[in-house]
Every structure is written in structure tokens, then in C-alpha cells.
PDB file of all heavy atoms in Angstrom:
ATOM      1  N   GLY A   1      96.153 115.735  97.910  1.00  0.00           N
ATOM      2  CA  GLY A   1      95.879 114.395  97.419  1.00  0.00           C
ATOM      3  C   GLY A   1      94.496 113.886  97.693  1.00  0.00           C
ATOM      4  O   GLY A   1      94.156 112.774  97.312  1.00  0.00           O
ATOM      5  N   PHE A   2      93.628 114.689  98.368  1.00  0.00           N
ATOM      6  CA  PHE A   2      92.303 114.194  98.776  1.00  0.00           C
ATOM      7  C   PHE A   2      91.487 113.696  97.594  1.00  0.00           C
ATOM      8  O   PHE A   2      91.000 112.586  97.570  1.00  0.00           O
ATOM      9  CB  PHE A   2      91.565 115.307  99.513  1.00  0.00           C
ATOM     10  CG  PHE A   2      90.219 114.900 100.045  1.00  0.00           C
ATOM     11  CD1 PHE A   2      89.972 113.600 100.422  1.00  0.00           C
ATOM     12  CD2 PHE A   2      89.214 115.840 100.189  1.00  0.00           C
ATOM     13  CE1 PHE A   2      88.735 113.230 100.930  1.00  0.00           C
ATOM     14  CE2 PHE A   2      87.975 115.482 100.694  1.00  0.00           C
ATOM     15  CZ  PHE A   2      87.741 114.177 101.056  1.00  0.00           C
ATOM     16  N   PHE A   3      91.335 114.555  96.578  1.00  0.00           N
ATOM     17  CA  PHE A   3      90.577 114.154  95.411  1.00  0.00           C
ATOM     18  C   PHE A   3      91.453 114.066  94.170  1.00  0.00           C
ATOM     19  O   PHE A   3      90.952 114.066  93.062  1.00  0.00           O
ATOM     20  CB  PHE A   3      89.435 115.144  95.135  1.00  0.00           C
ATOM     21  CG  PHE A   3      88.246 114.917  96.007  1.00  0.00           C
ATOM     22  CD1 PHE A   3      87.965 115.773  97.054  1.00  0.00           C
ATOM     23  CD2 PHE A   3      87.401 113.854  95.789  1.00  0.00           C
ATOM     24  CE1 PHE A   3      86.858 115.567  97.858  1.00  0.00           C
ATOM     25  CE2 PHE A   3      86.298 113.640  96.595  1.00  0.00           C
ATOM     26  CZ  PHE A   3      86.025 114.505  97.630  1.00  0.00           C
ATOM     27  N   SER A   4      92.748 113.998  94.328  1.00  0.00           N
ATOM     28  CA  SER A   4      93.627 113.939  93.171  1.00  0.00           C
ATOM     29  C   SER A   4      93.578 112.569  92.530  1.00  0.00           C
ATOM     30  O   SER A   4      93.580 111.544  93.198  1.00  0.00           O
ATOM     31  CB  SER A   4      95.067 114.233  93.603  1.00  0.00           C
ATOM     32  OG  SER A   4      95.959 113.966  92.555  1.00  0.00           O
ATOM     33  N   THR A   5      93.539 112.514  91.199  1.00  0.00           N
ATOM     34  CA  THR A   5      93.550 111.235  90.490  1.00  0.00           C
ATOM     35  C   THR A   5      94.954 110.861  90.069  1.00  0.00           C
ATOM     36  O   THR A   5      95.145 109.828  89.441  1.00  0.00           O
ATOM     37  CB  THR A   5      92.671 111.305  89.237  1.00  0.00           C
ATOM     38  OG1 THR A   5      93.164 112.358  88.400  1.00  0.00           O
ATOM     39  CG2 THR A   5      91.230 111.552  89.604  1.00  0.00           C
ATOM     40  N   THR A   6      95.953 111.668  90.398  1.00  0.00           N
ATOM     41  CA  THR A   6      97.293 111.413  89.908  1.00  0.00           C
ATOM     42  C   THR A   6      98.237 110.934  90.987  1.00  0.00           C
ATOM     43  O   THR A   6      99.385 110.653  90.720  1.00  0.00           O
ATOM     44  CB  THR A   6      97.877 112.693  89.283  1.00  0.00           C
ATOM     45  OG1 THR A   6      97.900 113.721  90.264  1.00  0.00           O
ATOM     46  CG2 THR A   6      97.036 113.129  88.102  1.00  0.00           C
ATOM     47  N   SER A   7      97.762 110.815  92.237  1.00  0.00           N
ATOM     48  CA  SER A   7      98.634 110.356  93.306  1.00  0.00           C
ATOM     49  C   SER A   7      98.012 109.166  94.007  1.00  0.00           C
ATOM     50  O   SER A   7      96.815 108.991  94.042  1.00  0.00           O
ATOM     51  CB  SER A   7      98.867 111.479  94.327  1.00  0.00           C
ATOM     52  OG  SER A   7      97.664 111.828  94.956  1.00  0.00           O
ATOM     53  N   SER A   8      98.882 108.318  94.566  1.00  0.00           N
ATOM     54  CA  SER A   8      98.420 107.132  95.268  1.00  0.00           C
ATOM     55  C   SER A   8      98.346 107.427  96.751  1.00  0.00           C
ATOM     56  O   SER A   8      99.343 107.738  97.387  1.00  0.00           O
ATOM     57  CB  SER A   8      99.379 105.960  95.019  1.00  0.00           C
ATOM     58  OG  SER A   8      99.069 104.888  95.869  1.00  0.00           O
ATOM     59  N   LEU A   9      97.152 107.308  97.321  1.00  0.00           N
ATOM     60  CA  LEU A   9      97.006 107.585  98.745  1.00  0.00           C
ATOM     61  C   LEU A   9      97.733 106.553  99.576  1.00  0.00           C
ATOM     62  O   LEU A   9      98.195 106.836 100.675  1.00  0.00           O
ATOM     63  CB  LEU A   9      95.520 107.612  99.112  1.00  0.00           C
ATOM     64  CG  LEU A   9      94.772 108.865  98.674  1.00  0.00           C
ATOM     65  CD1 LEU A   9      93.285 108.684  98.899  1.00  0.00           C
ATOM     66  CD2 LEU A   9      95.262 110.088  99.404  1.00  0.00           C
ATOM     67  N   GLU A  10      97.833 105.309  99.055  1.00  0.00           N
ATOM     68  CA  GLU A  10      98.512 104.282  99.831  1.00  0.00           C
ATOM     69  C   GLU A  10      99.997 104.606  99.976  1.00  0.00           C
ATOM     70  O   GLU A  10     100.626 104.280 100.970  1.00  0.00           O
ATOM     71  CB  GLU A  10      98.375 102.902  99.168  1.00  0.00           C
ATOM     72  CG  GLU A  10      96.944 102.457  99.002  1.00  0.00           C
ATOM     73  CD  GLU A  10      96.419 102.745  97.624  1.00  0.00           C
ATOM     74  OE1 GLU A  10      96.747 103.797  97.066  1.00  0.00           O
ATOM     75  OE2 GLU A  10      95.699 101.902  97.105  1.00  0.00           O
ATOM     76  N   GLU A  11     100.579 105.227  98.931  1.00  0.00           N
ATOM     77  CA  GLU A  11     102.015 105.434  98.928  1.00  0.00           C
ATOM     78  C   GLU A  11     102.398 106.840  99.373  1.00  0.00           C
ATOM     79  O   GLU A  11     103.558 107.119  99.640  1.00  0.00           O
ATOM     80  CB  GLU A  11     102.560 105.178  97.517  1.00  0.00           C
ATOM     81  CG  GLU A  11     102.327 103.745  97.045  1.00  0.00           C
ATOM     82  CD  GLU A  11     102.748 103.554  95.605  1.00  0.00           C
ATOM     83  OE1 GLU A  11     103.176 104.540  94.972  1.00  0.00           O
ATOM     84  OE2 GLU A  11     102.662 102.419  95.119  1.00  0.00           O
ATOM     85  N   SER A  12     101.434 107.759  99.427  1.00  0.00           N
ATOM     86  CA  SER A  12     101.766 109.152  99.736  1.00  0.00           C
ATOM     87  C   SER A  12     102.058 109.316 101.217  1.00  0.00           C
ATOM     88  O   SER A  12     101.604 108.555 102.060  1.00  0.00           O
ATOM     89  CB  SER A  12     100.611 110.069  99.332  1.00  0.00           C
ATOM     90  OG  SER A  12      99.446 109.738 100.046  1.00  0.00           O
ATOM     91  N   SER A  13     102.843 110.337 101.516  1.00  0.00           N
ATOM     92  CA  SER A  13     103.142 110.667 102.915  1.00  0.00           C
ATOM     93  C   SER A  13     102.539 112.027 103.193  1.00  0.00           C
ATOM     94  O   SER A  13     103.244 113.009 103.387  1.00  0.00           O
ATOM     95  CB  SER A  13     104.656 110.675 103.146  1.00  0.00           C
ATOM     96  OG  SER A  13     105.283 111.570 102.249  1.00  0.00           O
ATOM     97  N   LEU A  14     101.212 112.100 103.188  1.00  0.00           N
ATOM     98  CA  LEU A  14     100.526 113.371 103.319  1.00  0.00           C
ATOM     99  C   LEU A  14     100.588 113.864 104.756  1.00  0.00           C
ATOM    100  O   LEU A  14     100.504 113.101 105.701  1.00  0.00           O
ATOM    101  CB  LEU A  14      99.059 113.228 102.897  1.00  0.00           C
ATOM    102  CG  LEU A  14      98.822 112.725 101.475  1.00  0.00           C
ATOM    103  CD1 LEU A  14      97.336 112.672 101.197  1.00  0.00           C
ATOM    104  CD2 LEU A  14      99.508 113.630 100.471  1.00  0.00           C
ATOM    105  N   ASP A  15     100.712 115.156 104.888  1.00  0.00           N
ATOM    106  CA  ASP A  15     100.670 115.810 106.194  1.00  0.00           C
ATOM    107  C   ASP A  15      99.282 116.401 106.366  1.00  0.00           C
ATOM    108  O   ASP A  15      98.863 117.254 105.603  1.00  0.00           O
ATOM    109  CB  ASP A  15     101.728 116.916 106.243  1.00  0.00           C
ATOM    110  CG  ASP A  15     101.797 117.582 107.602  1.00  0.00           C
ATOM    111  OD1 ASP A  15     100.887 117.364 108.423  1.00  0.00           O
ATOM    112  OD2 ASP A  15     102.764 118.329 107.826  1.00  0.00           O
ATOM    113  N   ASP A  16      98.534 115.931 107.354  1.00  0.00           N
ATOM    114  CA  ASP A  16      97.174 116.398 107.556  1.00  0.00           C
ATOM    115  C   ASP A  16      97.108 117.892 107.843  1.00  0.00           C
ATOM    116  O   ASP A  16      96.047 118.491 107.763  1.00  0.00           O
ATOM    117  CB  ASP A  16      96.505 115.632 108.703  1.00  0.00           C
ATOM    118  CG  ASP A  16      95.990 114.284 108.250  1.00  0.00           C
ATOM    119  OD1 ASP A  16      95.883 114.088 107.021  1.00  0.00           O
ATOM    120  OD2 ASP A  16      95.708 113.451 109.112  1.00  0.00           O
ATOM    121  N   ASP A  17      98.223 118.509 108.208  1.00  0.00           N
ATOM    122  CA  ASP A  17      98.205 119.940 108.485  1.00  0.00           C
ATOM    123  C   ASP A  17      98.322 120.767 107.211  1.00  0.00           C
ATOM    124  O   ASP A  17      98.090 121.967 107.225  1.00  0.00           O
ATOM    125  CB  ASP A  17      99.352 120.312 109.425  1.00  0.00           C
ATOM    126  CG  ASP A  17      99.142 119.721 110.813  1.00  0.00           C
ATOM    127  OD1 ASP A  17      97.969 119.556 111.199  1.00  0.00           O
ATOM    128  OD2 ASP A  17     100.136 119.425 111.480  1.00  0.00           O
ATOM    129  N   GLU A  18      98.721 120.130 106.090  1.00  0.00           N
ATOM    130  CA  GLU A  18      98.837 120.847 104.837  1.00  0.00           C
ATOM    131  C   GLU A  18      97.480 120.887 104.157  1.00  0.00           C
ATOM    132  O   GLU A  18      96.779 119.898 104.099  1.00  0.00           O
ATOM    133  CB  GLU A  18      99.851 120.163 103.918  1.00  0.00           C
ATOM    134  CG  GLU A  18     101.276 120.167 104.475  1.00  0.00           C
ATOM    135  CD  GLU A  18     102.227 119.443 103.557  1.00  0.00           C
ATOM    136  OE1 GLU A  18     101.765 118.927 102.535  1.00  0.00           O
ATOM    137  OE2 GLU A  18     103.425 119.401 103.883  1.00  0.00           O
ATOM    138  N   ALA A  19      97.124 122.044 103.602  1.00  0.00           N
ATOM    139  CA  ALA A  19      95.822 122.149 102.946  1.00  0.00           C
ATOM    140  C   ALA A  19      95.894 123.106 101.765  1.00  0.00           C
ATOM    141  O   ALA A  19      95.329 124.184 101.774  1.00  0.00           O
ATOM    142  CB  ALA A  19      94.759 122.619 103.936  1.00  0.00           C
ATOM    143  N   PRO A  20      96.637 122.754 100.705  1.00  0.00           N
ATOM    144  CA  PRO A  20      96.712 123.619  99.537  1.00  0.00           C
ATOM    145  C   PRO A  20      95.423 123.575  98.751  1.00  0.00           C
ATOM    146  O   PRO A  20      94.605 122.671  98.923  1.00  0.00           O
ATOM    147  CB  PRO A  20      97.860 122.997  98.729  1.00  0.00           C
ATOM    148  CG  PRO A  20      97.821 121.551  99.095  1.00  0.00           C
ATOM    149  CD  PRO A  20      97.422 121.520 100.541  1.00  0.00           C
ATOM    150  N   GLU A  21      95.229 124.546  97.845  1.00  0.00           N
ATOM    151  CA  GLU A  21      94.051 124.564  96.999  1.00  0.00           C
ATOM    152  C   GLU A  21      94.197 123.485  95.930  1.00  0.00           C
ATOM    153  O   GLU A  21      95.153 123.479  95.166  1.00  0.00           O
ATOM    154  CB  GLU A  21      93.906 125.933  96.322  1.00  0.00           C
ATOM    155  CG  GLU A  21      93.636 127.070  97.297  1.00  0.00           C
ATOM    156  CD  GLU A  21      92.209 127.067  97.794  1.00  0.00           C
ATOM    157  OE1 GLU A  21      91.404 126.269  97.298  1.00  0.00           O
ATOM    158  OE2 GLU A  21      91.891 127.867  98.680  1.00  0.00           O
ATOM    159  N   LEU A  22      93.258 122.572  95.859  1.00  0.00           N
ATOM    160  CA  LEU A  22      93.262 121.515  94.859  1.00  0.00           C
ATOM    161  C   LEU A  22      91.851 121.297  94.353  1.00  0.00           C
ATOM    162  O   LEU A  22      90.886 121.620  95.045  1.00  0.00           O
ATOM    163  CB  LEU A  22      93.792 120.199  95.456  1.00  0.00           C
ATOM    164  CG  LEU A  22      95.286 120.131  95.766  1.00  0.00           C
ATOM    165  CD1 LEU A  22      95.600 118.805  96.440  1.00  0.00           C
ATOM    166  CD2 LEU A  22      96.106 120.266  94.488  1.00  0.00           C
ATOM    167  N   PRO A  23      91.681 120.730  93.154  1.00  0.00           N
ATOM    168  CA  PRO A  23      90.338 120.454  92.655  1.00  0.00           C
ATOM    169  C   PRO A  23      89.599 119.499  93.590  1.00  0.00           C
ATOM    170  O   PRO A  23      90.169 118.504  94.030  1.00  0.00           O
ATOM    171  CB  PRO A  23      90.602 119.790  91.300  1.00  0.00           C
ATOM    172  CG  PRO A  23      91.961 120.238  90.907  1.00  0.00           C
ATOM    173  CD  PRO A  23      92.723 120.377  92.197  1.00  0.00           C
ATOM    174  N   LEU A  24      88.359 119.826  93.878  1.00  0.00           N
ATOM    175  CA  LEU A  24      87.549 118.929  94.704  1.00  0.00           C
ATOM    176  C   LEU A  24      87.220 117.662  93.944  1.00  0.00           C
ATOM    177  O   LEU A  24      87.377 116.555  94.438  1.00  0.00           O
ATOM    178  CB  LEU A  24      86.251 119.617  95.132  1.00  0.00           C
ATOM    179  CG  LEU A  24      85.266 118.703  95.844  1.00  0.00           C
ATOM    180  CD1 LEU A  24      85.857 118.222  97.154  1.00  0.00           C
ATOM    181  CD2 LEU A  24      83.961 119.409  96.092  1.00  0.00           C
ATOM    182  N   LEU A  25      86.727 117.836  92.733  1.00  0.00           N
ATOM    183  CA  LEU A  25      86.370 116.692  91.911  1.00  0.00           C
ATOM    184  C   LEU A  25      87.187 116.746  90.632  1.00  0.00           C
ATOM    185  O   LEU A  25      86.809 117.388  89.668  1.00  0.00           O
ATOM    186  CB  LEU A  25      84.867 116.714  91.570  1.00  0.00           C
ATOM    187  CG  LEU A  25      83.939 116.635  92.772  1.00  0.00           C
ATOM    188  CD1 LEU A  25      82.493 116.733  92.318  1.00  0.00           C
ATOM    189  CD2 LEU A  25      84.148 115.345  93.543  1.00  0.00           C
ATOM    190  N   ALA A  26      88.318 116.098  90.636  1.00  0.00           N
ATOM    191  CA  ALA A  26      89.157 116.090  89.452  1.00  0.00           C
ATOM    192  C   ALA A  26      88.479 115.303  88.336  1.00  0.00           C
ATOM    193  O   ALA A  26      87.678 114.407  88.590  1.00  0.00           O
ATOM    194  CB  ALA A  26      90.516 115.460  89.781  1.00  0.00           C
ATOM    195  N   GLU A  27      88.801 115.628  87.101  1.00  0.00           N
ATOM    196  CA  GLU A  27      88.206 114.907  85.985  1.00  0.00           C
ATOM    197  C   GLU A  27      88.624 113.449  86.050  1.00  0.00           C
ATOM    198  O   GLU A  27      89.774 113.116  86.290  1.00  0.00           O
ATOM    199  CB  GLU A  27      88.649 115.523  84.658  1.00  0.00           C
ATOM    200  CG  GLU A  27      88.085 116.913  84.418  1.00  0.00           C
ATOM    201  CD  GLU A  27      88.403 117.412  83.024  1.00  0.00           C
ATOM    202  OE1 GLU A  27      88.566 116.578  82.123  1.00  0.00           O
ATOM    203  OE2 GLU A  27      88.486 118.626  82.846  1.00  0.00           O
ATOM    204  N   SER A  28      87.661 112.554  85.814  1.00  0.00           N
ATOM    205  CA  SER A  28      87.964 111.134  85.854  1.00  0.00           C
ATOM    206  C   SER A  28      88.811 110.749  84.649  1.00  0.00           C
ATOM    207  O   SER A  28      88.708 111.327  83.580  1.00  0.00           O
ATOM    208  CB  SER A  28      86.668 110.309  85.861  1.00  0.00           C
ATOM    209  OG  SER A  28      85.908 110.568  84.710  1.00  0.00           O
ATOM    210  N   VAL A  29      89.663 109.768  84.843  1.00  0.00           N
ATOM    211  CA  VAL A  29      90.533 109.295  83.780  1.00  0.00           C
ATOM    212  C   VAL A  29      90.157 107.859  83.461  1.00  0.00           C
ATOM    213  O   VAL A  29      90.134 106.997  84.333  1.00  0.00           O
ATOM    214  CB  VAL A  29      92.018 109.349  84.221  1.00  0.00           C
ATOM    215  CG1 VAL A  29      92.912 108.811  83.131  1.00  0.00           C
ATOM    216  CG2 VAL A  29      92.407 110.776  84.571  1.00  0.00           C
ATOM    217  N   ASP A  30      89.842 107.589  82.192  1.00  0.00           N
ATOM    218  CA  ASP A  30      89.482 106.229  81.787  1.00  0.00           C
ATOM    219  C   ASP A  30      90.737 105.372  81.755  1.00  0.00           C
ATOM    220  O   ASP A  30      91.720 105.719  81.111  1.00  0.00           O
ATOM    221  CB  ASP A  30      88.827 106.231  80.406  1.00  0.00           C
ATOM    222  CG  ASP A  30      87.476 106.915  80.423  1.00  0.00           C
ATOM    223  OD1 ASP A  30      86.778 106.817  81.442  1.00  0.00           O
ATOM    224  OD2 ASP A  30      87.132 107.544  79.420  1.00  0.00           O
ATOM    225  N   GLU A  31      90.698 104.264  82.486  1.00  0.00           N
ATOM    226  CA  GLU A  31      91.850 103.371  82.543  1.00  0.00           C
ATOM    227  C   GLU A  31      91.522 102.024  81.923  1.00  0.00           C
ATOM    228  O   GLU A  31      92.181 101.028  82.195  1.00  0.00           O
ATOM    229  CB  GLU A  31      92.282 103.191  84.000  1.00  0.00           C
ATOM    230  CG  GLU A  31      92.690 104.491  84.672  1.00  0.00           C
ATOM    231  CD  GLU A  31      93.024 104.320  86.139  1.00  0.00           C
ATOM    232  OE1 GLU A  31      92.692 103.243  86.689  1.00  0.00           O
ATOM    233  OE2 GLU A  31      93.606 105.238  86.726  1.00  0.00           O
ATOM    234  N   MET A  32      90.491 101.976  81.096  1.00  0.00           N
ATOM    235  CA  MET A  32      90.093 100.716  80.506  1.00  0.00           C
ATOM    236  C   MET A  32      91.085 100.295  79.425  1.00  0.00           C
ATOM    237  O   MET A  32      91.425 101.079  78.542  1.00  0.00           O
ATOM    238  CB  MET A  32      88.689 100.824  79.898  1.00  0.00           C
ATOM    239  CG  MET A  32      87.629 101.184  80.907  1.00  0.00           C
ATOM    240  SD  MET A  32      87.525  99.973  82.239  1.00  0.00           S
ATOM    241  CE  MET A  32      86.647 100.927  83.464  1.00  0.00           C
ATOM    242  N   ASP A  33      91.530  99.060  79.507  1.00  0.00           N
ATOM    243  CA  ASP A  33      92.423  98.508  78.497  1.00  0.00           C
ATOM    244  C   ASP A  33      91.644  98.360  77.195  1.00  0.00           C
ATOM    245  O   ASP A  33      90.616  97.681  77.155  1.00  0.00           O
ATOM    246  CB  ASP A  33      92.918  97.137  78.983  1.00  0.00           C
ATOM    247  CG  ASP A  33      93.937  96.511  78.044  1.00  0.00           C
ATOM    248  OD1 ASP A  33      94.078  97.011  76.909  1.00  0.00           O
ATOM    249  OD2 ASP A  33      94.567  95.532  78.447  1.00  0.00           O
ATOM    250  N   PRO A  34      92.114  98.983  76.095  1.00  0.00           N
ATOM    251  CA  PRO A  34      91.397  98.849  74.820  1.00  0.00           C
ATOM    252  C   PRO A  34      91.185  97.400  74.417  1.00  0.00           C
ATOM    253  O   PRO A  34      90.175  97.060  73.800  1.00  0.00           O
ATOM    254  CB  PRO A  34      92.324  99.573  73.836  1.00  0.00           C
ATOM    255  CG  PRO A  34      93.068 100.552  74.674  1.00  0.00           C
ATOM    256  CD  PRO A  34      93.282  99.858  75.990  1.00  0.00           C
ATOM    257  N   ALA A  35      92.136  96.520  74.779  1.00  0.00           N
ATOM    258  CA  ALA A  35      91.992  95.108  74.441  1.00  0.00           C
ATOM    259  C   ALA A  35      90.802  94.489  75.174  1.00  0.00           C
ATOM    260  O   ALA A  35      90.096  93.636  74.624  1.00  0.00           O
ATOM    261  CB  ALA A  35      93.280  94.351  74.778  1.00  0.00           C
TER     262      ALA A  35
END
């Protein structure tokens, strides 16, 4: 979850001992409301 754009760090229950391979810099996702 370090650089993941799909998970909420506030709500996650991450274990600092876990270290799977994940993208360092995930692609940014535009969240701008078209309106």
C-alpha cells in the first residue's frame, strides 16, 4: 500500500513486516469531477 493509488492508508491495516513487490510510482488517476 505504500505507493498504491487503490487503497486507503487511513483505513488499511498494513503489517510493516510485509513487503510484497508493488509499483513504486503507480499511474496517477484523475479524480476531477467533469462538472
